[in-house]
N, C-alpha and C. Protein backbone atom coordinates (compact mmCIF):
# COMPACT_ATOMS: atom_id res chain seq x y z
N MET A 1 43.75 -12.66 -9.20
CA MET A 1 44.22 -11.77 -8.14
C MET A 1 43.38 -10.50 -8.08
N LYS A 2 43.08 -9.91 -9.25
CA LYS A 2 42.26 -8.71 -9.28
C LYS A 2 40.88 -8.97 -8.69
N SER A 3 40.32 -10.14 -9.04
CA SER A 3 39.01 -10.51 -8.51
C SER A 3 39.05 -10.64 -7.00
N MET A 4 40.13 -11.24 -6.45
CA MET A 4 40.26 -11.40 -5.02
C MET A 4 40.37 -10.05 -4.32
N LEU A 5 41.18 -9.17 -4.89
CA LEU A 5 41.33 -7.83 -4.31
C LEU A 5 40.02 -7.06 -4.33
N LYS A 6 39.27 -7.23 -5.41
CA LYS A 6 37.97 -6.58 -5.52
C LYS A 6 37.02 -7.08 -4.43
N MET A 7 37.02 -8.39 -4.19
CA MET A 7 36.16 -8.97 -3.16
C MET A 7 36.56 -8.48 -1.78
N LEU A 8 37.88 -8.41 -1.51
CA LEU A 8 38.35 -7.93 -0.22
C LEU A 8 37.98 -6.47 -0.01
N LEU A 9 38.13 -5.67 -1.05
CA LEU A 9 37.79 -4.25 -0.96
C LEU A 9 36.30 -4.06 -0.74
N THR A 10 35.48 -4.82 -1.49
CA THR A 10 34.03 -4.72 -1.34
C THR A 10 33.60 -5.11 0.07
N GLY A 11 34.14 -6.23 0.56
CA GLY A 11 33.80 -6.67 1.90
C GLY A 11 34.20 -5.66 2.97
N SER A 12 35.38 -5.07 2.80
CA SER A 12 35.84 -4.07 3.77
C SER A 12 34.96 -2.83 3.75
N LEU A 13 34.55 -2.41 2.57
CA LEU A 13 33.67 -1.24 2.46
C LEU A 13 32.31 -1.51 3.09
N ILE A 14 31.79 -2.72 2.90
CA ILE A 14 30.50 -3.08 3.50
C ILE A 14 30.59 -3.05 5.02
N MET A 15 31.68 -3.59 5.57
CA MET A 15 31.85 -3.59 7.03
C MET A 15 32.04 -2.17 7.56
N ALA A 16 32.77 -1.34 6.81
CA ALA A 16 32.96 0.06 7.23
C ALA A 16 31.62 0.79 7.24
N ALA A 17 30.80 0.53 6.22
CA ALA A 17 29.47 1.16 6.15
C ALA A 17 28.60 0.70 7.32
N LEU A 18 28.68 -0.59 7.66
CA LEU A 18 27.91 -1.11 8.80
C LEU A 18 28.35 -0.44 10.09
N TRP A 19 29.65 -0.27 10.28
CA TRP A 19 30.16 0.39 11.48
C TRP A 19 29.59 1.80 11.61
N LEU A 20 29.58 2.53 10.50
CA LEU A 20 29.04 3.89 10.52
C LEU A 20 27.54 3.89 10.82
N LEU A 21 26.82 2.94 10.24
CA LEU A 21 25.37 2.86 10.48
C LEU A 21 25.07 2.55 11.94
N LEU A 22 25.97 1.83 12.58
CA LEU A 22 25.77 1.47 13.99
C LEU A 22 26.12 2.62 14.93
N PHE A 23 27.27 3.26 14.70
CA PHE A 23 27.79 4.18 15.71
C PHE A 23 27.53 5.66 15.44
N ALA A 24 27.40 6.04 14.17
CA ALA A 24 27.11 7.46 13.90
C ALA A 24 25.75 7.88 14.45
N PRO A 25 24.66 7.13 14.20
CA PRO A 25 23.37 7.52 14.78
C PRO A 25 23.36 7.41 16.31
N ALA A 26 24.14 6.45 16.86
CA ALA A 26 24.17 6.28 18.31
C ALA A 26 24.86 7.45 19.00
N GLY A 27 25.76 8.12 18.28
CA GLY A 27 26.44 9.28 18.83
C GLY A 27 27.44 8.95 19.93
N THR A 28 27.83 7.69 20.03
CA THR A 28 28.77 7.26 21.06
C THR A 28 29.38 5.92 20.66
N LEU A 29 30.57 5.67 21.23
CA LEU A 29 31.19 4.36 21.06
C LEU A 29 30.89 3.46 22.26
N HIS A 30 30.23 4.02 23.26
CA HIS A 30 29.86 3.24 24.45
C HIS A 30 28.51 2.55 24.20
N TYR A 31 28.59 1.49 23.40
CA TYR A 31 27.39 0.81 22.92
C TYR A 31 27.77 -0.66 22.74
N TRP A 32 27.79 -1.40 23.87
CA TRP A 32 28.32 -2.76 23.84
C TRP A 32 27.55 -3.67 22.91
N GLN A 33 26.23 -3.44 22.82
CA GLN A 33 25.43 -4.30 21.94
C GLN A 33 25.89 -4.16 20.48
N ALA A 34 26.20 -2.91 20.08
CA ALA A 34 26.64 -2.68 18.70
C ALA A 34 28.03 -3.27 18.45
N TRP A 35 28.93 -3.14 19.43
CA TRP A 35 30.26 -3.72 19.27
C TRP A 35 30.20 -5.23 19.14
N LEU A 36 29.37 -5.86 19.97
CA LEU A 36 29.24 -7.31 19.91
C LEU A 36 28.61 -7.73 18.58
N PHE A 37 27.57 -7.02 18.16
CA PHE A 37 26.91 -7.33 16.89
C PHE A 37 27.88 -7.17 15.73
N PHE A 38 28.61 -6.07 15.72
CA PHE A 38 29.58 -5.82 14.65
C PHE A 38 30.65 -6.91 14.63
N GLY A 39 31.15 -7.29 15.81
CA GLY A 39 32.16 -8.33 15.88
C GLY A 39 31.67 -9.67 15.37
N VAL A 40 30.43 -10.01 15.72
CA VAL A 40 29.85 -11.28 15.26
C VAL A 40 29.75 -11.30 13.74
N LEU A 41 29.26 -10.21 13.15
CA LEU A 41 29.10 -10.18 11.69
C LEU A 41 30.44 -10.17 10.97
N VAL A 42 31.40 -9.41 11.49
CA VAL A 42 32.73 -9.38 10.87
C VAL A 42 33.37 -10.76 10.93
N LEU A 43 33.31 -11.39 12.09
CA LEU A 43 33.90 -12.73 12.25
C LEU A 43 33.24 -13.73 11.31
N ALA A 44 31.91 -13.72 11.28
CA ALA A 44 31.18 -14.65 10.41
C ALA A 44 31.52 -14.39 8.94
N SER A 45 31.62 -13.11 8.57
CA SER A 45 31.92 -12.76 7.19
C SER A 45 33.31 -13.25 6.77
N TRP A 46 34.29 -13.04 7.64
CA TRP A 46 35.65 -13.45 7.31
C TRP A 46 35.78 -14.97 7.28
N ILE A 47 35.16 -15.66 8.21
CA ILE A 47 35.21 -17.12 8.21
C ILE A 47 34.59 -17.68 6.93
N ALA A 48 33.41 -17.14 6.57
CA ALA A 48 32.73 -17.60 5.36
C ALA A 48 33.57 -17.31 4.12
N SER A 49 34.16 -16.11 4.06
CA SER A 49 34.94 -15.72 2.88
C SER A 49 36.19 -16.59 2.73
N ILE A 50 36.89 -16.82 3.84
CA ILE A 50 38.10 -17.64 3.79
C ILE A 50 37.76 -19.08 3.41
N TYR A 51 36.67 -19.60 3.98
CA TYR A 51 36.24 -20.97 3.67
C TYR A 51 35.89 -21.11 2.19
N LEU A 52 35.09 -20.18 1.68
CA LEU A 52 34.68 -20.26 0.27
C LEU A 52 35.86 -20.00 -0.66
N LEU A 53 36.76 -19.13 -0.25
CA LEU A 53 37.94 -18.86 -1.09
C LEU A 53 38.79 -20.10 -1.25
N ARG A 54 38.85 -20.92 -0.21
CA ARG A 54 39.65 -22.14 -0.25
C ARG A 54 38.91 -23.30 -0.90
N THR A 55 37.59 -23.36 -0.74
CA THR A 55 36.84 -24.54 -1.19
C THR A 55 35.97 -24.30 -2.42
N ASP A 56 35.46 -23.09 -2.58
CA ASP A 56 34.53 -22.83 -3.68
C ASP A 56 34.58 -21.36 -4.08
N PRO A 57 35.68 -20.91 -4.71
CA PRO A 57 35.82 -19.50 -5.06
C PRO A 57 34.74 -19.01 -6.03
N ALA A 58 34.21 -19.94 -6.84
CA ALA A 58 33.14 -19.53 -7.78
C ALA A 58 31.90 -19.10 -7.01
N MET A 59 31.60 -19.79 -5.90
CA MET A 59 30.45 -19.40 -5.11
C MET A 59 30.69 -18.06 -4.41
N LEU A 60 31.92 -17.84 -3.94
CA LEU A 60 32.24 -16.56 -3.31
C LEU A 60 31.98 -15.42 -4.29
N GLN A 61 32.31 -15.64 -5.55
CA GLN A 61 32.04 -14.64 -6.57
C GLN A 61 30.55 -14.43 -6.75
N ARG A 62 29.77 -15.52 -6.68
CA ARG A 62 28.32 -15.41 -6.81
C ARG A 62 27.70 -14.63 -5.66
N ARG A 63 28.35 -14.67 -4.47
CA ARG A 63 27.81 -14.00 -3.30
C ARG A 63 28.16 -12.53 -3.24
N MET A 64 28.97 -12.05 -4.16
CA MET A 64 29.30 -10.63 -4.18
C MET A 64 28.08 -9.82 -4.64
N PRO A 65 27.91 -8.60 -4.11
CA PRO A 65 26.77 -7.77 -4.52
C PRO A 65 26.75 -7.57 -6.03
N ALA A 66 25.58 -7.74 -6.62
CA ALA A 66 25.43 -7.57 -8.06
C ALA A 66 24.03 -7.05 -8.35
N SER A 67 23.86 -6.47 -9.52
CA SER A 67 22.58 -5.89 -9.89
C SER A 67 21.65 -6.94 -10.47
N GLU A 68 20.40 -6.91 -10.04
CA GLU A 68 19.39 -7.78 -10.63
C GLU A 68 19.09 -7.32 -12.06
N SER A 69 18.73 -8.29 -12.91
CA SER A 69 18.48 -7.96 -14.31
C SER A 69 17.03 -7.58 -14.57
N ARG A 70 16.10 -8.02 -13.69
CA ARG A 70 14.68 -7.77 -13.92
C ARG A 70 14.18 -6.64 -13.02
N PRO A 71 13.37 -5.74 -13.57
CA PRO A 71 12.92 -4.57 -12.81
C PRO A 71 12.22 -4.92 -11.49
N VAL A 72 11.36 -5.95 -11.50
CA VAL A 72 10.63 -6.29 -10.28
C VAL A 72 11.59 -6.72 -9.17
N GLN A 73 12.62 -7.46 -9.53
CA GLN A 73 13.59 -7.89 -8.52
C GLN A 73 14.48 -6.73 -8.07
N LYS A 74 14.77 -5.80 -8.96
CA LYS A 74 15.53 -4.62 -8.56
C LYS A 74 14.77 -3.84 -7.49
N ALA A 75 13.46 -3.67 -7.70
CA ALA A 75 12.64 -2.94 -6.73
C ALA A 75 12.58 -3.67 -5.40
N LEU A 76 12.42 -5.00 -5.45
CA LEU A 76 12.32 -5.78 -4.22
C LEU A 76 13.63 -5.79 -3.44
N ILE A 77 14.75 -5.90 -4.14
CA ILE A 77 16.03 -5.95 -3.44
C ILE A 77 16.35 -4.61 -2.80
N TRP A 78 15.93 -3.52 -3.44
CA TRP A 78 16.11 -2.21 -2.82
C TRP A 78 15.24 -2.08 -1.57
N GLY A 79 14.06 -2.70 -1.61
CA GLY A 79 13.21 -2.73 -0.42
C GLY A 79 13.88 -3.47 0.72
N VAL A 80 14.54 -4.59 0.39
CA VAL A 80 15.26 -5.37 1.39
C VAL A 80 16.38 -4.54 2.01
N TYR A 81 17.18 -3.89 1.16
CA TYR A 81 18.29 -3.07 1.66
C TYR A 81 17.80 -1.90 2.51
N THR A 82 16.71 -1.29 2.07
CA THR A 82 16.16 -0.14 2.79
C THR A 82 15.70 -0.55 4.19
N CYS A 83 15.02 -1.69 4.28
CA CYS A 83 14.58 -2.18 5.59
C CYS A 83 15.77 -2.45 6.50
N TRP A 84 16.82 -3.04 5.95
CA TRP A 84 18.00 -3.36 6.75
C TRP A 84 18.66 -2.09 7.29
N ILE A 85 18.88 -1.13 6.41
CA ILE A 85 19.51 0.13 6.83
C ILE A 85 18.64 0.83 7.87
N ALA A 86 17.33 0.86 7.63
CA ALA A 86 16.42 1.55 8.54
C ALA A 86 16.41 0.90 9.92
N LEU A 87 16.37 -0.43 9.97
CA LEU A 87 16.29 -1.07 11.29
C LEU A 87 17.58 -0.90 12.08
N VAL A 88 18.73 -0.86 11.39
CA VAL A 88 20.00 -0.64 12.08
C VAL A 88 20.08 0.80 12.60
N VAL A 89 19.74 1.77 11.73
CA VAL A 89 19.83 3.18 12.11
C VAL A 89 18.85 3.51 13.23
N VAL A 90 17.61 3.04 13.12
CA VAL A 90 16.61 3.32 14.14
C VAL A 90 16.99 2.67 15.47
N SER A 91 17.54 1.47 15.41
CA SER A 91 17.99 0.81 16.64
C SER A 91 19.10 1.62 17.31
N SER A 92 20.02 2.16 16.51
CA SER A 92 21.10 2.97 17.07
C SER A 92 20.57 4.30 17.62
N LEU A 93 19.63 4.90 16.93
CA LEU A 93 19.00 6.12 17.44
C LEU A 93 18.25 5.84 18.74
N ASP A 94 17.64 4.67 18.82
CA ASP A 94 16.94 4.26 20.02
C ASP A 94 17.91 4.21 21.20
N HIS A 95 19.11 3.67 20.95
CA HIS A 95 20.13 3.65 22.00
C HIS A 95 20.50 5.07 22.42
N ARG A 96 20.61 5.96 21.46
CA ARG A 96 21.02 7.34 21.74
C ARG A 96 19.99 8.10 22.57
N PHE A 97 18.72 7.94 22.21
CA PHE A 97 17.67 8.74 22.84
C PHE A 97 16.85 7.98 23.88
N GLY A 98 17.13 6.68 24.02
CA GLY A 98 16.46 5.90 25.05
C GLY A 98 14.96 5.73 24.84
N TRP A 99 14.57 5.48 23.60
CA TRP A 99 13.15 5.32 23.30
C TRP A 99 12.57 4.05 23.91
N SER A 100 13.37 3.00 23.95
CA SER A 100 12.90 1.75 24.55
C SER A 100 13.99 1.16 25.41
N HIS A 101 13.59 0.30 26.34
CA HIS A 101 14.55 -0.30 27.27
C HIS A 101 14.40 -1.82 27.17
N VAL A 102 15.36 -2.43 26.55
CA VAL A 102 15.32 -3.86 26.28
C VAL A 102 16.17 -4.59 27.33
N PRO A 103 15.59 -5.51 28.07
CA PRO A 103 16.38 -6.28 29.05
C PRO A 103 17.50 -7.07 28.37
N VAL A 104 18.56 -7.30 29.11
CA VAL A 104 19.71 -8.04 28.57
C VAL A 104 19.28 -9.41 28.06
N LEU A 105 18.35 -10.05 28.75
CA LEU A 105 17.89 -11.38 28.34
C LEU A 105 17.26 -11.34 26.95
N ILE A 106 16.53 -10.26 26.66
CA ILE A 106 15.92 -10.12 25.33
C ILE A 106 17.00 -9.87 24.28
N SER A 107 18.02 -9.09 24.64
CA SER A 107 19.13 -8.89 23.71
C SER A 107 19.85 -10.21 23.42
N VAL A 108 19.99 -11.04 24.45
CA VAL A 108 20.60 -12.36 24.25
C VAL A 108 19.75 -13.19 23.29
N LEU A 109 18.43 -13.11 23.44
CA LEU A 109 17.53 -13.80 22.51
C LEU A 109 17.74 -13.27 21.09
N GLY A 110 17.92 -11.95 20.98
CA GLY A 110 18.20 -11.37 19.66
C GLY A 110 19.47 -11.92 19.05
N TYR A 111 20.51 -12.06 19.88
CA TYR A 111 21.76 -12.62 19.37
C TYR A 111 21.59 -14.08 18.98
N ALA A 112 20.73 -14.80 19.68
CA ALA A 112 20.46 -16.19 19.32
C ALA A 112 19.82 -16.26 17.93
N LEU A 113 18.91 -15.32 17.65
CA LEU A 113 18.29 -15.27 16.33
C LEU A 113 19.32 -14.90 15.26
N VAL A 114 20.19 -13.94 15.58
CA VAL A 114 21.24 -13.54 14.64
C VAL A 114 22.16 -14.72 14.33
N VAL A 115 22.59 -15.41 15.36
CA VAL A 115 23.47 -16.57 15.16
C VAL A 115 22.73 -17.66 14.39
N GLY A 116 21.43 -17.84 14.69
CA GLY A 116 20.63 -18.81 13.94
C GLY A 116 20.58 -18.46 12.46
N GLY A 117 20.45 -17.17 12.16
CA GLY A 117 20.45 -16.73 10.76
C GLY A 117 21.78 -16.99 10.09
N ILE A 118 22.88 -16.73 10.82
CA ILE A 118 24.21 -16.96 10.27
C ILE A 118 24.45 -18.44 10.02
N VAL A 119 24.05 -19.28 10.97
CA VAL A 119 24.20 -20.73 10.81
C VAL A 119 23.36 -21.23 9.63
N GLY A 120 22.12 -20.70 9.52
CA GLY A 120 21.27 -21.08 8.39
C GLY A 120 21.90 -20.72 7.06
N ALA A 121 22.48 -19.53 6.98
CA ALA A 121 23.15 -19.11 5.74
C ALA A 121 24.35 -20.01 5.45
N ALA A 122 25.09 -20.40 6.51
CA ALA A 122 26.24 -21.29 6.33
C ALA A 122 25.82 -22.64 5.78
N LEU A 123 24.67 -23.15 6.24
CA LEU A 123 24.16 -24.42 5.73
C LEU A 123 23.79 -24.30 4.26
N VAL A 124 23.23 -23.16 3.88
CA VAL A 124 22.91 -22.92 2.47
C VAL A 124 24.19 -22.94 1.64
N PHE A 125 25.23 -22.24 2.11
CA PHE A 125 26.50 -22.21 1.39
C PHE A 125 27.08 -23.61 1.23
N ALA A 126 26.96 -24.41 2.29
CA ALA A 126 27.54 -25.75 2.27
C ALA A 126 26.80 -26.68 1.32
N GLN A 127 25.49 -26.46 1.15
CA GLN A 127 24.68 -27.40 0.38
C GLN A 127 24.38 -26.94 -1.04
N ASN A 128 24.51 -25.65 -1.30
CA ASN A 128 24.13 -25.15 -2.62
C ASN A 128 25.16 -24.15 -3.12
N SER A 129 26.09 -24.61 -3.93
CA SER A 129 27.15 -23.73 -4.42
C SER A 129 26.65 -22.73 -5.45
N HIS A 130 25.39 -22.87 -5.88
CA HIS A 130 24.82 -21.94 -6.86
C HIS A 130 23.93 -20.89 -6.19
N ALA A 131 24.00 -20.78 -4.87
CA ALA A 131 23.20 -19.78 -4.16
C ALA A 131 23.83 -18.40 -4.37
N ALA A 132 23.29 -17.65 -5.31
CA ALA A 132 23.84 -16.35 -5.67
C ALA A 132 23.01 -15.23 -5.05
N THR A 133 23.57 -14.02 -5.07
CA THR A 133 22.82 -12.88 -4.56
C THR A 133 21.74 -12.44 -5.53
N THR A 134 21.93 -12.75 -6.80
CA THR A 134 20.92 -12.42 -7.81
C THR A 134 20.18 -13.69 -8.23
N ILE A 135 18.98 -13.51 -8.74
CA ILE A 135 18.16 -14.64 -9.14
C ILE A 135 18.44 -15.00 -10.59
N ARG A 136 19.01 -16.18 -10.78
CA ARG A 136 19.31 -16.67 -12.12
C ARG A 136 19.51 -18.17 -12.06
N VAL A 137 19.38 -18.84 -13.20
CA VAL A 137 19.66 -20.27 -13.30
C VAL A 137 20.83 -20.43 -14.26
N GLU A 138 21.90 -21.07 -13.79
CA GLU A 138 23.08 -21.25 -14.59
C GLU A 138 23.03 -22.57 -15.36
N GLU A 139 23.87 -22.66 -16.35
CA GLU A 139 23.93 -23.89 -17.15
C GLU A 139 24.38 -25.05 -16.27
N ASN A 140 23.67 -26.18 -16.39
CA ASN A 140 23.97 -27.40 -15.63
C ASN A 140 23.80 -27.22 -14.12
N GLN A 141 23.00 -26.25 -13.71
CA GLN A 141 22.76 -26.05 -12.28
C GLN A 141 21.90 -27.18 -11.74
N PRO A 142 22.33 -27.87 -10.68
CA PRO A 142 21.54 -28.98 -10.14
C PRO A 142 20.41 -28.47 -9.24
N LEU A 143 19.39 -29.29 -9.08
CA LEU A 143 18.31 -29.00 -8.15
C LEU A 143 18.66 -29.59 -6.79
N ILE A 144 18.76 -28.75 -5.77
CA ILE A 144 19.06 -29.22 -4.42
C ILE A 144 17.74 -29.42 -3.69
N SER A 145 17.49 -30.64 -3.22
CA SER A 145 16.20 -30.93 -2.59
C SER A 145 16.34 -31.64 -1.25
N THR A 146 17.57 -31.79 -0.77
CA THR A 146 17.80 -32.49 0.50
C THR A 146 18.40 -31.53 1.53
N GLY A 147 18.66 -32.06 2.72
CA GLY A 147 19.24 -31.22 3.77
C GLY A 147 18.29 -30.11 4.16
N ILE A 148 18.81 -28.92 4.30
CA ILE A 148 17.97 -27.78 4.69
C ILE A 148 16.94 -27.45 3.61
N TYR A 149 17.25 -27.82 2.35
CA TYR A 149 16.30 -27.60 1.25
C TYR A 149 15.16 -28.62 1.28
N GLY A 150 15.28 -29.61 2.12
CA GLY A 150 14.18 -30.55 2.31
C GLY A 150 13.19 -30.08 3.35
N ILE A 151 13.49 -28.95 4.00
CA ILE A 151 12.60 -28.38 5.02
C ILE A 151 11.82 -27.21 4.45
N VAL A 152 12.53 -26.27 3.85
CA VAL A 152 11.89 -25.14 3.15
C VAL A 152 12.59 -24.95 1.80
N ARG A 153 11.88 -24.38 0.85
CA ARG A 153 12.43 -24.24 -0.49
C ARG A 153 13.41 -23.08 -0.61
N HIS A 154 13.31 -22.12 0.30
CA HIS A 154 14.18 -20.94 0.21
C HIS A 154 14.82 -20.64 1.57
N PRO A 155 15.72 -21.53 2.02
CA PRO A 155 16.29 -21.39 3.36
C PRO A 155 17.13 -20.13 3.56
N MET A 156 17.69 -19.57 2.49
CA MET A 156 18.45 -18.33 2.67
C MET A 156 17.54 -17.19 3.13
N TYR A 157 16.32 -17.13 2.62
CA TYR A 157 15.38 -16.10 3.06
C TYR A 157 14.93 -16.37 4.50
N THR A 158 14.82 -17.63 4.85
CA THR A 158 14.49 -17.98 6.24
C THR A 158 15.60 -17.49 7.17
N ALA A 159 16.85 -17.72 6.78
CA ALA A 159 17.99 -17.27 7.58
C ALA A 159 17.99 -15.75 7.68
N ASN A 160 17.71 -15.07 6.57
CA ASN A 160 17.68 -13.61 6.58
C ASN A 160 16.56 -13.07 7.46
N THR A 161 15.43 -13.77 7.49
CA THR A 161 14.32 -13.35 8.35
C THR A 161 14.74 -13.40 9.82
N LEU A 162 15.44 -14.46 10.22
CA LEU A 162 15.95 -14.55 11.59
C LEU A 162 16.90 -13.39 11.87
N LEU A 163 17.75 -13.08 10.91
CA LEU A 163 18.72 -12.00 11.09
C LEU A 163 18.02 -10.65 11.23
N TYR A 164 16.99 -10.42 10.42
CA TYR A 164 16.28 -9.14 10.46
C TYR A 164 15.57 -8.93 11.79
N PHE A 165 14.93 -9.98 12.31
CA PHE A 165 14.20 -9.83 13.57
C PHE A 165 15.14 -9.87 14.77
N GLY A 166 16.26 -10.57 14.64
CA GLY A 166 17.19 -10.64 15.75
C GLY A 166 18.02 -9.39 15.93
N THR A 167 18.32 -8.68 14.84
CA THR A 167 19.21 -7.53 14.91
C THR A 167 18.72 -6.41 15.83
N PRO A 168 17.48 -5.92 15.70
CA PRO A 168 17.05 -4.85 16.61
C PRO A 168 17.09 -5.27 18.08
N LEU A 169 16.68 -6.49 18.36
CA LEU A 169 16.70 -6.96 19.74
C LEU A 169 18.14 -7.07 20.25
N ALA A 170 19.03 -7.57 19.40
CA ALA A 170 20.43 -7.66 19.79
C ALA A 170 21.02 -6.28 20.06
N LEU A 171 20.56 -5.29 19.33
CA LEU A 171 21.05 -3.92 19.50
C LEU A 171 20.31 -3.17 20.60
N GLY A 172 19.39 -3.85 21.26
CA GLY A 172 18.69 -3.25 22.39
C GLY A 172 17.57 -2.31 22.01
N SER A 173 16.83 -2.65 20.95
CA SER A 173 15.77 -1.75 20.49
C SER A 173 14.51 -2.53 20.12
N TYR A 174 13.37 -2.00 20.58
CA TYR A 174 12.08 -2.51 20.10
C TYR A 174 11.62 -1.74 18.87
N TRP A 175 11.96 -0.46 18.79
CA TRP A 175 11.52 0.36 17.66
C TRP A 175 12.10 -0.12 16.34
N GLY A 176 13.29 -0.67 16.37
CA GLY A 176 13.89 -1.17 15.13
C GLY A 176 13.10 -2.31 14.52
N LEU A 177 12.32 -3.02 15.35
CA LEU A 177 11.51 -4.13 14.85
C LEU A 177 10.48 -3.68 13.82
N ILE A 178 10.09 -2.40 13.88
CA ILE A 178 9.11 -1.88 12.93
C ILE A 178 9.58 -2.11 11.50
N PHE A 179 10.88 -1.99 11.28
CA PHE A 179 11.43 -2.11 9.93
C PHE A 179 11.84 -3.55 9.60
N ALA A 180 11.74 -4.44 10.59
CA ALA A 180 11.95 -5.87 10.32
C ALA A 180 10.67 -6.51 9.81
N ILE A 181 9.53 -5.97 10.23
CA ILE A 181 8.24 -6.57 9.88
C ILE A 181 8.00 -6.65 8.37
N PRO A 182 8.35 -5.60 7.57
CA PRO A 182 8.11 -5.72 6.12
C PRO A 182 9.02 -6.72 5.43
N ALA A 183 10.14 -7.09 6.06
CA ALA A 183 11.13 -7.94 5.39
C ALA A 183 10.57 -9.26 4.89
N PRO A 184 9.87 -10.06 5.74
CA PRO A 184 9.34 -11.34 5.22
C PRO A 184 8.29 -11.14 4.13
N VAL A 185 7.59 -10.01 4.16
CA VAL A 185 6.63 -9.73 3.08
C VAL A 185 7.38 -9.52 1.76
N ILE A 186 8.47 -8.75 1.82
CA ILE A 186 9.28 -8.53 0.62
C ILE A 186 9.91 -9.85 0.16
N PHE A 187 10.39 -10.65 1.13
CA PHE A 187 10.95 -11.96 0.77
C PHE A 187 9.90 -12.82 0.07
N ALA A 188 8.66 -12.78 0.57
CA ALA A 188 7.59 -13.58 -0.03
C ALA A 188 7.33 -13.15 -1.47
N LEU A 189 7.32 -11.84 -1.73
CA LEU A 189 7.13 -11.34 -3.09
C LEU A 189 8.30 -11.76 -3.98
N ARG A 190 9.49 -11.68 -3.43
CA ARG A 190 10.68 -12.10 -4.18
C ARG A 190 10.64 -13.60 -4.49
N ILE A 191 10.20 -14.40 -3.52
CA ILE A 191 10.08 -15.83 -3.73
C ILE A 191 9.06 -16.14 -4.82
N HIS A 192 7.92 -15.46 -4.77
CA HIS A 192 6.87 -15.71 -5.77
C HIS A 192 7.40 -15.47 -7.18
N ASP A 193 8.12 -14.37 -7.37
CA ASP A 193 8.67 -14.07 -8.70
C ASP A 193 9.80 -15.05 -9.04
N GLU A 194 10.63 -15.38 -8.06
CA GLU A 194 11.75 -16.29 -8.29
C GLU A 194 11.27 -17.66 -8.71
N GLU A 195 10.20 -18.15 -8.09
CA GLU A 195 9.74 -19.50 -8.41
C GLU A 195 9.12 -19.58 -9.80
N THR A 196 8.61 -18.48 -10.29
CA THR A 196 8.14 -18.46 -11.68
C THR A 196 9.30 -18.76 -12.62
N LEU A 197 10.44 -18.12 -12.35
CA LEU A 197 11.64 -18.35 -13.16
C LEU A 197 12.16 -19.77 -12.98
N LEU A 198 12.20 -20.25 -11.75
CA LEU A 198 12.76 -21.57 -11.47
C LEU A 198 11.92 -22.69 -12.12
N GLN A 199 10.59 -22.53 -12.13
CA GLN A 199 9.75 -23.53 -12.78
C GLN A 199 9.99 -23.58 -14.28
N GLU A 200 10.35 -22.45 -14.85
CA GLU A 200 10.58 -22.38 -16.29
C GLU A 200 11.96 -22.89 -16.69
N GLU A 201 12.97 -22.67 -15.82
CA GLU A 201 14.35 -22.89 -16.25
C GLU A 201 15.11 -23.97 -15.49
N LEU A 202 14.62 -24.38 -14.30
CA LEU A 202 15.35 -25.38 -13.52
C LEU A 202 14.60 -26.71 -13.56
N ALA A 203 15.20 -27.69 -14.18
CA ALA A 203 14.56 -29.00 -14.36
C ALA A 203 14.20 -29.64 -13.04
N GLY A 204 12.95 -30.12 -12.93
CA GLY A 204 12.49 -30.83 -11.74
C GLY A 204 11.95 -29.94 -10.65
N TYR A 205 11.94 -28.62 -10.87
CA TYR A 205 11.54 -27.73 -9.78
C TYR A 205 10.06 -27.87 -9.44
N HIS A 206 9.23 -28.11 -10.43
CA HIS A 206 7.80 -28.25 -10.16
C HIS A 206 7.54 -29.45 -9.24
N SER A 207 8.22 -30.56 -9.49
CA SER A 207 8.07 -31.73 -8.62
C SER A 207 8.60 -31.45 -7.23
N TYR A 208 9.68 -30.69 -7.16
CA TYR A 208 10.27 -30.32 -5.87
C TYR A 208 9.28 -29.49 -5.05
N MET A 209 8.52 -28.62 -5.69
CA MET A 209 7.52 -27.81 -4.99
C MET A 209 6.46 -28.69 -4.34
N THR A 210 6.13 -29.79 -4.99
CA THR A 210 5.15 -30.74 -4.43
C THR A 210 5.75 -31.49 -3.24
N LYS A 211 7.03 -31.85 -3.37
CA LYS A 211 7.72 -32.61 -2.33
C LYS A 211 7.94 -31.76 -1.08
N VAL A 212 8.33 -30.50 -1.27
CA VAL A 212 8.59 -29.58 -0.16
C VAL A 212 7.62 -28.41 -0.30
N PRO A 213 6.47 -28.45 0.39
CA PRO A 213 5.42 -27.46 0.17
C PRO A 213 5.70 -26.09 0.79
N HIS A 214 6.57 -26.00 1.76
CA HIS A 214 6.77 -24.74 2.47
C HIS A 214 7.92 -23.93 1.89
N ARG A 215 7.67 -22.66 1.66
CA ARG A 215 8.64 -21.80 1.00
C ARG A 215 9.61 -21.15 1.97
N LEU A 216 9.08 -20.56 3.04
CA LEU A 216 9.89 -19.69 3.91
C LEU A 216 9.92 -20.15 5.37
N VAL A 217 8.75 -20.48 5.91
CA VAL A 217 8.64 -20.86 7.32
C VAL A 217 8.10 -22.29 7.40
N PRO A 218 8.86 -23.21 8.02
CA PRO A 218 8.38 -24.59 8.12
C PRO A 218 7.00 -24.67 8.76
N LEU A 219 6.12 -25.47 8.16
CA LEU A 219 4.76 -25.74 8.64
C LEU A 219 3.83 -24.52 8.59
N VAL A 220 4.30 -23.40 8.04
CA VAL A 220 3.47 -22.19 7.95
C VAL A 220 3.26 -21.78 6.50
N TRP A 221 4.37 -21.47 5.77
CA TRP A 221 4.23 -21.01 4.39
C TRP A 221 5.48 -21.34 3.60
């Protein structure tokens, strides 16, 4: 029960922080793109949490924010968080000061990317119950090599890349894209370090790398 309450409190605080990041810089509540974006993320978060709570509570615990144990990963994850906060804040400031004018059709494309990222993350949750927020290999952890893992080796980062590039467009900003650009670079560095660990500790991973050559983007890298 304490663990469940902690997860609910953490999730609520994260959503409250996102709301502030969206609307405080915008200086107004008349920002339909932000309301729609916030609603989509809240709905997706609650659906995922309720589903995992009923079917795989251990995975829900793994998805809670936690500190990385290795310095290089701590630095990279802070880079990821910084880019996310920056792109949301700059997009909201863009709305406030009118730095760029994004057509509704482009915002719809942004939402398509956001939804694609959410769906990709949901597929990861469905196929890999050991997908944690921190990089580690647990005892008796299986190697997942089929489904979405048969397309790219790190589909969660692929999903996050869609989310990062879709968010500024969904919020009606081109300037926010500046802070989305470093994200796949940071993901690539994180993947490089992660795969060193996986080759050492996860049985069969080296053969899996041969079977599925692409890490982040199908047919590219």
